[in-house]
Amino acid sequence: MAYGTILGIIALIAAILVIYDVLVNNKRLSNGMKITWIVCAIIFSIITAIIYYLVGRNNQIDFFKK
């Protein structure tokens, strides 16, 4: 039971960090990509945090940029 609580807290912190970084630090992303990262952070918090910090912060992959 304690492991579930700890994992839940880690997931919450991971989602908050990704959302904060997308909104505050990553200004060059398009609005569509920001929404995509935020929705993914809410649904798949820990996995999204890992993928975002490995791939998403470089701003080269933006499916919504014109």
PDB file of N, CA and C in Angstrom:
ATOM      1  N   MET A   1       0.815  -1.189   0.000  1.00  0.00           N
ATOM      2  CA  MET A   1       0.000   0.000   0.000  1.00  0.00           C
ATOM      3  C   MET A   1       0.861   1.257   0.000  1.00  0.00           C
ATOM      4  N   ALA A   2       1.961   1.225   0.695  1.00  0.00           N
ATOM      5  CA  ALA A   2       2.837   2.388   0.731  1.00  0.00           C
ATOM      6  C   ALA A   2       3.494   2.616  -0.616  1.00  0.00           C
ATOM      7  N   TYR A   3       3.756   1.529  -1.366  1.00  0.00           N
ATOM      8  CA  TYR A   3       4.372   1.674  -2.677  1.00  0.00           C
ATOM      9  C   TYR A   3       3.434   2.385  -3.653  1.00  0.00           C
ATOM     10  N   GLY A   4       2.168   2.108  -3.560  1.00  0.00           N
ATOM     11  CA  GLY A   4       1.190   2.777  -4.415  1.00  0.00           C
ATOM     12  C   GLY A   4       1.113   4.262  -4.133  1.00  0.00           C
ATOM     13  N   THR A   5       1.187   4.621  -2.866  1.00  0.00           N
ATOM     14  CA  THR A   5       1.164   6.030  -2.481  1.00  0.00           C
ATOM     15  C   THR A   5       2.415   6.744  -2.969  1.00  0.00           C
ATOM     16  N   ILE A   6       3.560   6.124  -2.800  1.00  0.00           N
ATOM     17  CA  ILE A   6       4.815   6.726  -3.250  1.00  0.00           C
ATOM     18  C   ILE A   6       4.820   6.872  -4.770  1.00  0.00           C
ATOM     19  N   LEU A   7       4.361   5.851  -5.481  1.00  0.00           N
ATOM     20  CA  LEU A   7       4.296   5.905  -6.933  1.00  0.00           C
ATOM     21  C   LEU A   7       3.316   6.989  -7.393  1.00  0.00           C
ATOM     22  N   GLY A   8       2.228   7.138  -6.697  1.00  0.00           N
ATOM     23  CA  GLY A   8       1.260   8.188  -7.021  1.00  0.00           C
ATOM     24  C   GLY A   8       1.838   9.581  -6.826  1.00  0.00           C
ATOM     25  N   ILE A   9       2.590   9.767  -5.759  1.00  0.00           N
ATOM     26  CA  ILE A   9       3.228  11.070  -5.513  1.00  0.00           C
ATOM     27  C   ILE A   9       4.273  11.361  -6.574  1.00  0.00           C
ATOM     28  N   ILE A  10       5.057  10.359  -6.948  1.00  0.00           N
ATOM     29  CA  ILE A  10       6.063  10.539  -8.002  1.00  0.00           C
ATOM     30  C   ILE A  10       5.383  10.869  -9.331  1.00  0.00           C
ATOM     31  N   ALA A  11       4.283  10.207  -9.630  1.00  0.00           N
ATOM     32  CA  ALA A  11       3.548  10.467 -10.871  1.00  0.00           C
ATOM     33  C   ALA A  11       2.993  11.889 -10.879  1.00  0.00           C
ATOM     34  N   LEU A  12       2.472  12.334  -9.753  1.00  0.00           N
ATOM     35  CA  LEU A  12       1.939  13.696  -9.656  1.00  0.00           C
ATOM     36  C   LEU A  12       3.041  14.733  -9.852  1.00  0.00           C
ATOM     37  N   ILE A  13       4.176  14.523  -9.212  1.00  0.00           N
ATOM     38  CA  ILE A  13       5.302  15.446  -9.350  1.00  0.00           C
ATOM     39  C   ILE A  13       5.815  15.457 -10.787  1.00  0.00           C
ATOM     40  N   ALA A  14       5.896  14.292 -11.418  1.00  0.00           N
ATOM     41  CA  ALA A  14       6.353  14.220 -12.808  1.00  0.00           C
ATOM     42  C   ALA A  14       5.411  14.982 -13.730  1.00  0.00           C
ATOM     43  N   ALA A  15       4.114  14.823 -13.541  1.00  0.00           N
ATOM     44  CA  ALA A  15       3.142  15.536 -14.378  1.00  0.00           C
ATOM     45  C   ALA A  15       3.242  17.041 -14.168  1.00  0.00           C
ATOM     46  N   ILE A  16       3.371  17.479 -12.935  1.00  0.00           N
ATOM     47  CA  ILE A  16       3.482  18.911 -12.641  1.00  0.00           C
ATOM     48  C   ILE A  16       4.745  19.494 -13.270  1.00  0.00           C
ATOM     49  N   LEU A  17       5.865  18.771 -13.184  1.00  0.00           N
ATOM     50  CA  LEU A  17       7.110  19.271 -13.761  1.00  0.00           C
ATOM     51  C   LEU A  17       7.027  19.398 -15.280  1.00  0.00           C
ATOM     52  N   VAL A  18       6.419  18.423 -15.935  1.00  0.00           N
ATOM     53  CA  VAL A  18       6.283  18.489 -17.396  1.00  0.00           C
ATOM     54  C   VAL A  18       5.375  19.652 -17.783  1.00  0.00           C
ATOM     55  N   ILE A  19       4.240  19.790 -17.115  1.00  0.00           N
ATOM     56  CA  ILE A  19       3.308  20.876 -17.429  1.00  0.00           C
ATOM     57  C   ILE A  19       3.967  22.234 -17.198  1.00  0.00           C
ATOM     58  N   TYR A  20       4.691  22.385 -16.105  1.00  0.00           N
ATOM     59  CA  TYR A  20       5.386  23.636 -15.808  1.00  0.00           C
ATOM     60  C   TYR A  20       6.427  23.946 -16.880  1.00  0.00           C
ATOM     61  N   ASP A  21       7.209  22.950 -17.255  1.00  0.00           N
ATOM     62  CA  ASP A  21       8.256  23.165 -18.248  1.00  0.00           C
ATOM     63  C   ASP A  21       7.669  23.502 -19.611  1.00  0.00           C
ATOM     64  N   VAL A  22       6.593  22.861 -19.984  1.00  0.00           N
ATOM     65  CA  VAL A  22       5.950  23.143 -21.274  1.00  0.00           C
ATOM     66  C   VAL A  22       5.416  24.572 -21.301  1.00  0.00           C
ATOM     67  N   LEU A  23       4.766  25.000 -20.245  1.00  0.00           N
ATOM     68  CA  LEU A  23       4.126  26.311 -20.241  1.00  0.00           C
ATOM     69  C   LEU A  23       5.093  27.460 -19.994  1.00  0.00           C
ATOM     70  N   VAL A  24       6.104  27.261 -19.160  1.00  0.00           N
ATOM     71  CA  VAL A  24       6.971  28.370 -18.759  1.00  0.00           C
ATOM     72  C   VAL A  24       8.277  28.405 -19.554  1.00  0.00           C
ATOM     73  N   ASN A  25       8.938  27.290 -19.687  1.00  0.00           N
ATOM     74  CA  ASN A  25      10.279  27.274 -20.265  1.00  0.00           C
ATOM     75  C   ASN A  25      10.335  26.987 -21.757  1.00  0.00           C
ATOM     76  N   ASN A  26       9.323  26.392 -22.315  1.00  0.00           N
ATOM     77  CA  ASN A  26       9.367  25.960 -23.707  1.00  0.00           C
ATOM     78  C   ASN A  26       8.440  26.827 -24.557  1.00  0.00           C
ATOM     79  N   LYS A  27       8.795  28.074 -24.732  1.00  0.00           N
ATOM     80  CA  LYS A  27       7.945  29.050 -25.423  1.00  0.00           C
ATOM     81  C   LYS A  27       7.876  28.822 -26.932  1.00  0.00           C
ATOM     82  N   ARG A  28       8.854  28.138 -27.503  1.00  0.00           N
ATOM     83  CA  ARG A  28       8.888  27.973 -28.958  1.00  0.00           C
ATOM     84  C   ARG A  28       7.954  26.889 -29.467  1.00  0.00           C
ATOM     85  N   LEU A  29       7.379  26.091 -28.595  1.00  0.00           N
ATOM     86  CA  LEU A  29       6.433  25.067 -29.048  1.00  0.00           C
ATOM     87  C   LEU A  29       5.133  25.709 -29.494  1.00  0.00           C
ATOM     88  N   SER A  30       4.495  25.115 -30.487  1.00  0.00           N
ATOM     89  CA  SER A  30       3.183  25.592 -30.922  1.00  0.00           C
ATOM     90  C   SER A  30       2.145  25.229 -29.862  1.00  0.00           C
ATOM     91  N   ASN A  31       0.999  25.888 -29.928  1.00  0.00           N
ATOM     92  CA  ASN A  31      -0.060  25.630 -28.946  1.00  0.00           C
ATOM     93  C   ASN A  31      -0.573  24.197 -29.028  1.00  0.00           C
ATOM     94  N   GLY A  32      -0.645  23.650 -30.231  1.00  0.00           N
ATOM     95  CA  GLY A  32      -1.101  22.268 -30.386  1.00  0.00           C
ATOM     96  C   GLY A  32      -0.162  21.276 -29.722  1.00  0.00           C
ATOM     97  N   MET A  33       1.132  21.518 -29.851  1.00  0.00           N
ATOM     98  CA  MET A  33       2.108  20.617 -29.235  1.00  0.00           C
ATOM     99  C   MET A  33       2.103  20.770 -27.714  1.00  0.00           C
ATOM    100  N   LYS A  34       1.892  21.991 -27.229  1.00  0.00           N
ATOM    101  CA  LYS A  34       1.798  22.211 -25.786  1.00  0.00           C
ATOM    102  C   LYS A  34       0.609  21.438 -25.212  1.00  0.00           C
ATOM    103  N   ILE A  35      -0.527  21.520 -25.892  1.00  0.00           N
ATOM    104  CA  ILE A  35      -1.718  20.805 -25.436  1.00  0.00           C
ATOM    105  C   ILE A  35      -1.471  19.298 -25.452  1.00  0.00           C
ATOM    106  N   THR A  36      -0.809  18.821 -26.502  1.00  0.00           N
ATOM    107  CA  THR A  36      -0.498  17.390 -26.591  1.00  0.00           C
ATOM    108  C   THR A  36       0.361  16.939 -25.418  1.00  0.00           C
ATOM    109  N   TRP A  37       1.427  17.685 -25.103  1.00  0.00           N
ATOM    110  CA  TRP A  37       2.299  17.317 -23.983  1.00  0.00           C
ATOM    111  C   TRP A  37       1.552  17.377 -22.653  1.00  0.00           C
ATOM    112  N   ILE A  38       0.694  18.383 -22.475  1.00  0.00           N
ATOM    113  CA  ILE A  38      -0.042  18.511 -21.215  1.00  0.00           C
ATOM    114  C   ILE A  38      -1.024  17.369 -21.031  1.00  0.00           C
ATOM    115  N   VAL A  39      -1.766  17.028 -22.079  1.00  0.00           N
ATOM    116  CA  VAL A  39      -2.722  15.910 -21.992  1.00  0.00           C
ATOM    117  C   VAL A  39      -1.990  14.600 -21.713  1.00  0.00           C
ATOM    118  N   CYS A  40      -0.878  14.389 -22.401  1.00  0.00           N
ATOM    119  CA  CYS A  40      -0.097  13.170 -22.162  1.00  0.00           C
ATOM    120  C   CYS A  40       0.470  13.147 -20.751  1.00  0.00           C
ATOM    121  N   ALA A  41       0.881  14.310 -20.235  1.00  0.00           N
ATOM    122  CA  ALA A  41       1.413  14.377 -18.874  1.00  0.00           C
ATOM    123  C   ALA A  41       0.342  14.036 -17.847  1.00  0.00           C
ATOM    124  N   ILE A  42      -0.882  14.430 -18.116  1.00  0.00           N
ATOM    125  CA  ILE A  42      -1.972  14.120 -17.185  1.00  0.00           C
ATOM    126  C   ILE A  42      -2.314  12.632 -17.232  1.00  0.00           C
ATOM    127  N   ILE A  43      -2.317  12.049 -18.418  1.00  0.00           N
ATOM    128  CA  ILE A  43      -2.727  10.650 -18.554  1.00  0.00           C
ATOM    129  C   ILE A  43      -1.588   9.678 -18.234  1.00  0.00           C
ATOM    130  N   PHE A  44      -0.410   9.918 -18.791  1.00  0.00           N
ATOM    131  CA  PHE A  44       0.724   9.005 -18.640  1.00  0.00           C
ATOM    132  C   PHE A  44       1.884   9.726 -17.961  1.00  0.00           C
ATOM    133  N   SER A  45       1.740  10.141 -16.758  1.00  0.00           N
ATOM    134  CA  SER A  45       2.646  11.099 -16.133  1.00  0.00           C
ATOM    135  C   SER A  45       4.120  10.692 -16.127  1.00  0.00           C
ATOM    136  N   ILE A  46       4.455   9.535 -15.625  1.00  0.00           N
ATOM    137  CA  ILE A  46       5.866   9.161 -15.496  1.00  0.00           C
ATOM    138  C   ILE A  46       6.481   8.868 -16.866  1.00  0.00           C
ATOM    139  N   ILE A  47       5.769   8.141 -17.702  1.00  0.00           N
ATOM    140  CA  ILE A  47       6.275   7.824 -19.032  1.00  0.00           C
ATOM    141  C   ILE A  47       6.431   9.095 -19.862  1.00  0.00           C
ATOM    142  N   THR A  48       5.449  10.000 -19.782  1.00  0.00           N
ATOM    143  CA  THR A  48       5.531  11.252 -20.511  1.00  0.00           C
ATOM    144  C   THR A  48       6.703  12.094 -20.041  1.00  0.00           C
ATOM    145  N   ALA A  49       6.956  12.117 -18.744  1.00  0.00           N
ATOM    146  CA  ALA A  49       8.082  12.900 -18.222  1.00  0.00           C
ATOM    147  C   ALA A  49       9.401  12.387 -18.782  1.00  0.00           C
ATOM    148  N   ILE A  50       9.560  11.091 -18.833  1.00  0.00           N
ATOM    149  CA  ILE A  50      10.800  10.513 -19.368  1.00  0.00           C
ATOM    150  C   ILE A  50      10.947  10.854 -20.844  1.00  0.00           C
ATOM    151  N   ILE A  51       9.893  10.653 -21.612  1.00  0.00           N
ATOM    152  CA  ILE A  51       9.951  10.930 -23.049  1.00  0.00           C
ATOM    153  C   ILE A  51      10.146  12.424 -23.303  1.00  0.00           C
ATOM    154  N   TYR A  52       9.459  13.265 -22.556  1.00  0.00           N
ATOM    155  CA  TYR A  52       9.579  14.711 -22.756  1.00  0.00           C
ATOM    156  C   TYR A  52      10.997  15.195 -22.488  1.00  0.00           C
ATOM    157  N   TYR A  53      11.596  14.753 -21.413  1.00  0.00           N
ATOM    158  CA  TYR A  53      12.934  15.229 -21.087  1.00  0.00           C
ATOM    159  C   TYR A  53      14.011  14.617 -21.987  1.00  0.00           C
ATOM    160  N   LEU A  54      13.721  13.508 -22.644  1.00  0.00           N
ATOM    161  CA  LEU A  54      14.671  12.939 -23.589  1.00  0.00           C
ATOM    162  C   LEU A  54      14.480  13.492 -25.002  1.00  0.00           C
ATOM    163  N   VAL A  55      13.236  13.722 -25.420  1.00  0.00           N
ATOM    164  CA  VAL A  55      12.944  14.067 -26.801  1.00  0.00           C
ATOM    165  C   VAL A  55      12.289  15.444 -26.954  1.00  0.00           C
ATOM    166  N   GLY A  56      11.337  15.764 -26.119  1.00  0.00           N
ATOM    167  CA  GLY A  56      10.470  16.917 -26.340  1.00  0.00           C
ATOM    168  C   GLY A  56      11.067  18.276 -26.085  1.00  0.00           C
ATOM    169  N   ARG A  57      12.101  18.372 -25.310  1.00  0.00           N
ATOM    170  CA  ARG A  57      12.651  19.675 -24.966  1.00  0.00           C
ATOM    171  C   ARG A  57      13.494  20.287 -26.068  1.00  0.00           C
ATOM    172  N   ASN A  58      13.876  19.535 -27.074  1.00  0.00           N
ATOM    173  CA  ASN A  58      14.741  20.081 -28.114  1.00  0.00           C
ATOM    174  C   ASN A  58      13.997  20.881 -29.174  1.00  0.00           C
ATOM    175  N   ASN A  59      12.689  20.927 -29.122  1.00  0.00           N
ATOM    176  CA  ASN A  59      11.828  21.731 -30.014  1.00  0.00           C
ATOM    177  C   ASN A  59      11.938  21.358 -31.483  1.00  0.00           C
ATOM    178  N   GLN A  60      12.586  20.301 -31.842  1.00  0.00           N
ATOM    179  CA  GLN A  60      12.700  19.933 -33.250  1.00  0.00           C
ATOM    180  C   GLN A  60      11.514  19.112 -33.719  1.00  0.00           C
ATOM    181  N   ILE A  61      10.838  18.462 -32.818  1.00  0.00           N
ATOM    182  CA  ILE A  61       9.679  17.642 -33.176  1.00  0.00           C
ATOM    183  C   ILE A  61       8.426  18.392 -32.763  1.00  0.00           C
ATOM    184  N   ASP A  62       7.817  19.085 -33.708  1.00  0.00           N
ATOM    185  CA  ASP A  62       6.588  19.825 -33.463  1.00  0.00           C
ATOM    186  C   ASP A  62       5.655  19.553 -34.629  1.00  0.00           C
ATOM    187  N   PHE A  63       4.673  18.726 -34.411  1.00  0.00           N
ATOM    188  CA  PHE A  63       3.765  18.302 -35.473  1.00  0.00           C
ATOM    189  C   PHE A  63       2.785  19.383 -35.896  1.00  0.00           C
ATOM    190  N   PHE A  64       2.662  20.441 -35.107  1.00  0.00           N
ATOM    191  CA  PHE A  64       1.664  21.461 -35.370  1.00  0.00           C
ATOM    192  C   PHE A  64       2.253  22.766 -35.898  1.00  0.00           C
ATOM    193  N   LYS A  65       3.569  22.828 -36.067  1.00  0.00           N
ATOM    194  CA  LYS A  65       4.218  24.037 -36.575  1.00  0.00           C
ATOM    195  C   LYS A  65       4.004  24.157 -38.065  1.00  0.00           C
ATOM    196  N   LYS A  66       3.763  25.373 -38.502  1.00  0.00           N
ATOM    197  CA  LYS A  66       3.523  25.600 -39.933  1.00  0.00           C
ATOM    198  C   LYS A  66       4.759  26.121 -40.600  1.00  0.00           C
TER     199      LYS A  66
END
